[in-house]
N, C-alpha and C. Protein backbone atom coordinates (compact mmCIF):
# COMPACT_ATOMS: atom_id res chain seq x y z
N MET A 1 -45.65 153.56 42.92
CA MET A 1 -46.70 153.18 43.61
C MET A 1 -47.12 154.28 44.10
N ASP A 2 -48.35 154.74 44.25
CA ASP A 2 -48.88 156.24 44.93
C ASP A 2 -49.68 155.37 45.95
N SER A 3 -49.64 156.58 46.90
CA SER A 3 -50.00 156.42 48.39
C SER A 3 -51.41 155.41 49.05
N HIS A 4 -52.10 155.28 48.13
CA HIS A 4 -53.09 154.22 48.43
C HIS A 4 -52.82 152.35 48.44
N ASP A 5 -52.00 152.56 47.38
CA ASP A 5 -50.94 151.36 47.67
C ASP A 5 -50.19 150.98 48.85
N SER A 6 -49.62 152.04 48.98
CA SER A 6 -48.73 151.68 50.69
C SER A 6 -49.37 151.83 51.54
N PHE A 7 -50.71 152.10 51.87
CA PHE A 7 -51.48 152.30 52.42
C PHE A 7 -52.25 150.54 53.05
N ALA A 8 -52.14 150.26 51.30
CA ALA A 8 -52.70 148.84 51.83
C ALA A 8 -51.54 147.90 52.11
N ALA A 9 -50.67 147.76 51.11
CA ALA A 9 -49.38 146.95 51.70
C ALA A 9 -49.55 147.26 53.56
N MET A 10 -48.74 148.37 54.23
CA MET A 10 -48.86 148.83 55.51
C MET A 10 -50.45 147.97 56.31
N GLY A 11 -51.56 148.24 55.91
CA GLY A 11 -52.41 147.78 56.64
C GLY A 11 -52.48 145.79 56.44
N PHE A 12 -52.02 145.68 55.69
CA PHE A 12 -51.43 143.79 55.45
C PHE A 12 -50.55 143.57 56.69
N PHE A 13 -49.48 144.16 56.56
CA PHE A 13 -48.39 144.20 57.29
C PHE A 13 -48.58 144.17 59.16
N ARG A 14 -50.12 145.14 59.52
CA ARG A 14 -50.09 145.26 60.64
C ARG A 14 -50.87 144.31 60.62
N THR A 15 -52.19 143.64 59.69
CA THR A 15 -52.68 142.73 60.71
C THR A 15 -52.18 141.26 60.90
N SER A 16 -51.12 141.15 59.84
CA SER A 16 -50.29 139.80 60.26
C SER A 16 -49.28 140.30 61.14
N PHE A 17 -49.02 141.63 61.69
CA PHE A 17 -48.21 141.41 62.73
C PHE A 17 -49.08 141.36 64.17
N THR A 18 -50.31 141.63 64.82
CA THR A 18 -51.40 141.56 65.75
C THR A 18 -51.79 140.15 65.35
N LEU A 19 -51.99 138.87 63.94
CA LEU A 19 -52.30 137.71 63.95
C LEU A 19 -50.85 137.16 64.36
N MET A 20 -50.21 137.13 64.99
CA MET A 20 -49.11 136.65 64.72
C MET A 20 -48.68 137.01 66.44
N PHE A 21 -48.66 138.30 66.64
CA PHE A 21 -48.39 138.41 68.49
C PHE A 21 -49.57 138.22 69.27
N GLY A 22 -50.42 137.98 68.38
CA GLY A 22 -51.94 136.78 69.49
C GLY A 22 -51.44 135.50 69.16
N MET A 23 -50.90 135.06 67.94
CA MET A 23 -50.81 133.42 68.07
C MET A 23 -49.76 133.14 69.26
N GLY A 24 -48.86 134.28 70.00
CA GLY A 24 -47.56 133.68 70.55
C GLY A 24 -48.00 133.75 71.47
N CYS A 25 -49.12 135.41 72.27
CA CYS A 25 -48.93 135.22 73.59
C CYS A 25 -50.39 133.88 73.54
N GLY A 26 -50.81 133.51 72.79
CA GLY A 26 -51.93 132.06 73.04
C GLY A 26 -51.25 131.09 73.03
N VAL A 27 -50.28 131.08 72.80
CA VAL A 27 -48.94 129.84 72.68
C VAL A 27 -48.04 129.63 73.86
N TYR A 28 -47.82 130.81 74.34
CA TYR A 28 -46.88 131.11 75.77
C TYR A 28 -48.51 130.91 77.31
N VAL A 29 -49.96 131.40 77.20
CA VAL A 29 -50.51 130.95 78.06
C VAL A 29 -51.08 129.96 78.02
N ALA A 30 -50.92 128.85 76.63
CA ALA A 30 -51.59 127.67 77.03
C ALA A 30 -50.44 126.74 77.29
N GLN A 31 -49.21 127.12 77.42
CA GLN A 31 -47.82 126.24 77.85
C GLN A 31 -47.49 126.57 79.63
N ASN A 32 -48.18 127.83 79.96
CA ASN A 32 -47.50 127.85 81.25
C ASN A 32 -48.25 128.21 81.66
N TYR A 33 -49.68 127.87 81.71
CA TYR A 33 -51.01 128.09 82.58
C TYR A 33 -52.03 127.05 82.63
N ASN A 34 -52.74 126.70 83.80
CA ASN A 34 -53.96 125.68 83.35
C ASN A 34 -54.78 126.26 82.75
N VAL A 35 -55.17 126.33 81.26
CA VAL A 35 -56.45 126.78 80.47
C VAL A 35 -57.00 125.37 80.26
N PRO A 36 -58.67 125.81 80.62
CA PRO A 36 -59.79 125.24 80.49
C PRO A 36 -60.10 124.56 79.21
N ASN A 37 -60.70 123.48 79.16
CA ASN A 37 -60.45 123.05 77.62
C ASN A 37 -61.67 123.58 77.27
N VAL A 38 -62.11 123.96 75.96
CA VAL A 38 -63.29 124.60 75.51
C VAL A 38 -63.60 124.58 75.30
N LYS A 39 -63.75 122.81 74.26
CA LYS A 39 -64.08 121.99 74.07
C LYS A 39 -64.98 121.06 74.89
N LYS A 40 -64.91 120.58 75.63
CA LYS A 40 -65.30 119.80 76.74
C LYS A 40 -65.86 121.37 77.57
N LEU A 41 -66.04 122.28 78.48
CA LEU A 41 -66.96 123.25 78.71
C LEU A 41 -68.26 123.35 78.08
N PHE A 42 -68.12 123.72 76.45
CA PHE A 42 -69.11 123.78 75.24
C PHE A 42 -69.97 122.34 75.76
N ASN A 43 -69.42 121.45 75.49
CA ASN A 43 -69.97 120.18 75.11
C ASN A 43 -71.20 119.63 76.77
N THR A 44 -70.06 120.47 77.41
CA THR A 44 -71.02 120.12 79.00
C THR A 44 -72.64 121.08 79.27
N TYR A 45 -71.72 122.17 79.11
CA TYR A 45 -73.04 123.46 78.54
C TYR A 45 -74.26 122.83 77.59
N MET A 46 -73.78 122.37 76.45
CA MET A 46 -74.81 122.26 75.96
C MET A 46 -75.61 121.17 76.41
N PHE A 47 -75.04 120.25 76.91
CA PHE A 47 -75.84 119.06 77.35
C PHE A 47 -76.63 119.77 78.89
N LEU A 48 -76.45 120.25 79.59
CA LEU A 48 -77.12 120.64 80.39
C LEU A 48 -77.87 121.47 79.50
N ALA A 49 -78.07 122.11 78.89
CA ALA A 49 -79.16 123.46 78.31
C ALA A 49 -79.91 122.15 77.81
N LYS A 50 -79.58 120.89 76.79
CA LYS A 50 -81.01 119.89 76.68
C LYS A 50 -81.39 119.36 77.96
N HIS A 51 -80.49 119.45 78.52
CA HIS A 51 -81.38 118.52 79.63
C HIS A 51 -82.64 119.46 80.65
N ILE A 52 -81.92 120.79 80.86
CA ILE A 52 -83.50 122.00 80.83
C ILE A 52 -84.08 121.94 80.19
N GLU A 53 -83.75 121.81 78.64
CA GLU A 53 -84.89 122.19 77.74
C GLU A 53 -85.94 120.86 77.56
N GLU A 54 -85.39 119.83 77.87
CA GLU A 54 -86.32 118.11 78.02
C GLU A 54 -87.31 118.39 79.38
N THR A 55 -87.06 118.45 80.09
CA THR A 55 -87.32 118.70 81.31
C THR A 55 -88.54 119.49 82.08
N TYR A 56 -87.90 120.98 81.32
CA TYR A 56 -89.06 122.01 81.13
C TYR A 56 -89.88 122.22 80.28
N ARG A 57 -90.04 121.47 79.24
CA ARG A 57 -90.54 121.39 78.02
C ARG A 57 -91.98 121.09 78.53
N LYS A 58 -92.87 121.87 77.70
CA LYS A 58 -94.52 121.96 78.11
C LYS A 58 -94.98 120.91 77.98
N PRO A 59 -95.73 119.61 77.99
CA PRO A 59 -96.14 118.66 77.08
C PRO A 59 -96.94 118.75 76.27
N LYS A 60 -97.05 118.15 74.88
CA LYS A 60 -97.15 118.26 73.31
C LYS A 60 -99.19 117.81 73.95
N ARG A 61 -99.99 118.52 73.42
CA ARG A 61 -101.06 118.77 72.90
C ARG A 61 -101.74 116.95 72.24
N ASP A 62 -102.83 116.52 72.48
CA ASP A 62 -103.48 115.37 71.44
C ASP A 62 -104.16 115.75 71.25
N ASP A 63 -104.30 116.03 70.42
CA ASP A 63 -105.96 116.80 69.77
C ASP A 63 -106.46 115.47 69.16
């Protein structure tokens, strides 16, 4: 095993550790704090954007 293989293995473990640490922090925060529902917020903003777009759209020209 040369040094290039050990760097690749180290990168894999570092990435895996970062992913697992982030997931653990996310689970802790979601269980212990009042985190907003992101899907509901997204749908609300999409509805508002669609409403604004339809309200201020230029009327179609009739040729």
